[in-house]
Protein backbone atom coordinates (compact mmCIF):
# COMPACT_ATOMS: atom_id res chain seq x y z
CA MET A 1 -17.50 9.25 2.91
CA SER A 2 -14.84 6.76 1.98
CA PHE A 3 -11.16 7.18 1.38
CA ALA A 4 -8.24 5.17 0.09
CA VAL A 5 -4.72 4.95 1.48
CA TRP A 6 -2.10 3.31 -0.72
CA LEU A 7 0.89 2.14 1.31
CA THR A 8 3.78 1.85 -1.12
CA GLY A 9 7.47 1.19 -0.73
CA LEU A 10 10.11 -1.38 -1.50
CA PRO A 11 9.43 -5.03 -0.64
CA GLY A 12 10.40 -5.46 3.00
CA SER A 13 9.83 -1.78 3.82
CA GLY A 14 7.19 -2.52 6.45
CA LYS A 15 3.98 -1.87 4.51
CA SER A 16 2.12 -4.93 5.76
CA ALA A 17 3.04 -4.39 9.41
CA ILE A 18 1.92 -0.78 9.15
CA ALA A 19 -1.30 -1.83 7.38
CA ARG A 20 -2.16 -4.25 10.21
CA GLU A 21 -1.63 -1.52 12.80
CA LEU A 22 -3.57 0.99 10.72
CA VAL A 23 -6.55 -1.37 10.53
CA ARG A 24 -6.40 -1.80 14.32
CA LEU A 25 -6.25 1.93 15.00
CA LEU A 26 -9.08 2.70 12.60
CA HIS A 27 -11.19 -0.11 14.06
CA GLU A 28 -10.70 1.46 17.52
CA ARG A 29 -12.24 4.63 16.04
CA GLY A 30 -15.19 2.70 14.64
CA VAL A 31 -13.92 2.80 11.05
CA GLU A 32 -14.15 -0.50 9.21
CA VAL A 33 -11.84 -0.74 6.23
CA SER A 34 -11.14 -3.19 3.45
CA VAL A 35 -7.51 -4.14 2.96
CA LEU A 36 -6.28 -5.02 -0.50
CA GLU A 37 -3.05 -6.80 0.34
CA SER A 38 -1.07 -7.63 -2.78
CA ASP A 39 0.29 -10.92 -1.40
CA VAL A 40 -3.23 -12.19 -0.71
CA MET A 41 -4.83 -10.73 -3.83
CA ARG A 42 -2.10 -12.13 -6.07
CA THR A 43 -2.96 -15.70 -5.00
CA GLN A 44 -6.47 -15.11 -6.35
CA LEU A 45 -5.80 -12.96 -9.40
CA THR A 46 -2.52 -14.41 -10.65
CA PRO A 47 -1.98 -17.75 -8.88
CA PHE A 48 0.96 -18.52 -11.19
CA PRO A 49 2.57 -15.08 -11.45
CA ARG A 50 5.22 -14.40 -14.05
CA TYR A 51 6.11 -10.99 -12.62
CA ASP A 52 6.64 -9.63 -16.13
CA GLU A 53 5.30 -6.26 -17.21
CA GLN A 54 2.06 -7.68 -18.66
CA ASP A 55 1.38 -9.67 -15.49
CA ARG A 56 2.01 -6.63 -13.30
CA GLU A 57 -0.15 -4.40 -15.49
CA PHE A 58 -3.07 -6.83 -15.19
CA PHE A 59 -2.61 -7.34 -11.46
CA TYR A 60 -2.29 -3.70 -10.43
CA SER A 61 -5.04 -2.45 -12.75
CA THR A 62 -7.36 -5.08 -11.28
CA LEU A 63 -6.29 -4.22 -7.73
CA ALA A 64 -6.97 -0.53 -8.42
CA THR A 65 -10.37 -1.41 -9.88
CA PHE A 66 -11.31 -3.32 -6.73
CA GLY A 67 -10.31 -0.33 -4.63
CA ILE A 68 -12.25 2.05 -6.83
CA LEU A 69 -15.38 -0.11 -6.60
CA LEU A 70 -15.10 -0.34 -2.81
CA ALA A 71 -14.62 3.41 -2.49
CA GLU A 72 -17.63 4.02 -4.74
CA LYS A 73 -19.66 1.92 -2.28
CA SER A 74 -18.45 4.16 0.58
CA ARG A 75 -16.03 1.57 1.92
CA PRO A 76 -12.64 2.90 3.07
CA VAL A 77 -9.74 1.04 1.47
CA ILE A 78 -6.14 0.38 2.39
CA PHE A 79 -3.92 -0.77 -0.44
CA ASP A 80 -0.96 -2.74 0.91
CA ALA A 81 0.99 -3.09 -2.31
CA THR A 82 4.38 -2.09 -3.65
CA ALA A 83 3.00 -1.18 -7.10
CA ASN A 84 6.47 -0.61 -8.48
CA ARG A 85 5.35 1.87 -11.15
CA ARG A 86 3.78 5.22 -10.32
CA ALA A 87 1.23 4.69 -13.08
CA TYR A 88 -0.32 1.80 -11.16
CA ARG A 89 -0.96 3.99 -8.13
CA GLU A 90 -2.03 6.97 -10.23
CA ALA A 91 -4.81 4.91 -11.82
CA ALA A 92 -6.47 4.65 -8.42
CA ARG A 93 -5.72 8.27 -7.53
CA LYS A 94 -7.51 9.53 -10.64
CA ARG A 95 -10.72 7.70 -9.75
CA ILE A 96 -10.87 7.96 -5.94
CA ALA A 97 -11.68 11.44 -4.66
CA ARG A 98 -10.17 10.96 -1.21
CA PHE A 99 -6.89 9.26 -2.08
CA ALA A 100 -3.62 9.39 -0.16
CA GLU A 101 -0.35 7.83 -1.18
CA VAL A 102 1.78 6.94 1.83
CA PHE A 103 5.40 6.23 1.02
CA VAL A 104 7.02 3.81 3.46
CA ASP A 105 10.55 5.07 2.94
CA THR A 106 12.99 2.39 4.07
CA PRO A 107 16.64 2.10 3.03
CA LEU A 108 17.31 -0.73 0.59
CA GLU A 109 19.82 -2.35 2.94
CA VAL A 110 17.15 -2.61 5.65
CA CYS A 111 14.70 -4.16 3.18
CA VAL A 112 17.35 -6.64 2.01
CA ALA A 113 18.13 -7.59 5.62
CA ARG A 114 14.44 -8.16 6.34
CA ASP A 115 13.63 -9.90 3.02
CA PRO A 116 10.51 -11.66 4.40
CA LYS A 117 9.63 -13.26 1.06
CA GLY A 118 13.15 -14.04 -0.09
CA LEU A 119 12.81 -11.72 -3.10
CA TYR A 120 16.21 -10.15 -2.69
CA ARG A 121 17.89 -13.54 -2.07
CA GLN A 122 16.31 -14.78 -5.32
CA GLY A 123 17.91 -11.86 -7.13
CA MET A 124 14.61 -10.29 -8.16
CA LYS A 125 15.47 -6.81 -9.41
CA ILE A 126 12.41 -4.89 -10.45
CA PRO A 127 12.73 -1.12 -10.72
CA TYR A 128 10.68 0.79 -8.16
CA GLU A 129 9.41 4.30 -8.84
CA PRO A 130 8.94 6.08 -5.53
CA PRO A 131 6.14 8.63 -5.34
CA LEU A 132 7.05 12.11 -6.52
CA ALA A 133 4.64 13.89 -4.16
CA PRO A 134 3.18 11.47 -1.61
CA GLU A 135 0.66 12.87 0.82
CA LEU A 136 2.67 11.35 3.65
CA VAL A 137 6.11 9.79 4.13
CA VAL A 138 6.74 7.42 7.02
CA ARG A 139 10.14 5.96 7.83
CA GLY A 140 10.03 2.18 7.80
CA ALA A 141 13.33 1.78 9.65
CA GLN A 142 12.53 4.24 12.44
CA GLY A 143 10.05 3.66 15.21
CA THR A 144 7.46 0.90 15.22
CA PRO A 145 4.75 -0.01 12.74
CA ALA A 146 2.21 1.24 15.31
CA GLN A 147 3.92 4.65 15.39
CA ALA A 148 3.90 4.82 11.58
CA ALA A 149 0.22 3.83 11.51
CA ALA A 150 -0.51 6.56 14.08
CA GLN A 151 1.05 9.07 11.67
CA VAL A 152 -1.33 7.88 8.96
CA VAL A 153 -4.32 8.20 11.30
CA ASP A 154 -3.19 11.72 12.27
CA PHE A 155 -3.05 12.58 8.57
CA LEU A 156 -6.56 11.16 8.01
CA GLU A 157 -7.89 13.12 10.98
CA ARG A 158 -6.28 16.38 9.73
CA ARG A 159 -8.05 15.81 6.40
CA HIS A 160 -11.32 15.10 8.26
CA TRP A 161 -11.57 11.73 6.56
CA VAL A 162 -12.03 9.94 9.91
């Protein structure tokens, strides 16, 4: 049986670092997953992004569709994507039976200090809708990405998904 984990949070919250550790931990358990990393997928789907609402709607609906198709083929999926609107994440939730939204909750000031892509320095201000009822919340400014990933694996094991 497959599952999908959507790591969401502000840019710079630690999603990608946690995703890398999560892949490693799952691989150690013999679980091969596909990672849909927004930074990588965007270069293929929207190589000249405008970051307007229409562009985001296209990108996240396509990303969700890829995840849905993978899950339908019994391939576990990790979404590593901010998906600033809840509706983007809900589209995947509605179609993937074993779906978990993991909120990487990191204070804005920590994200701004990290700013790995320079988004905050460029003044990009896109509203982010945090999950209302995520299956799991991990703290992106506390502990290590490996510890946060271990929390996700513990969650998956409690659900008997791995």
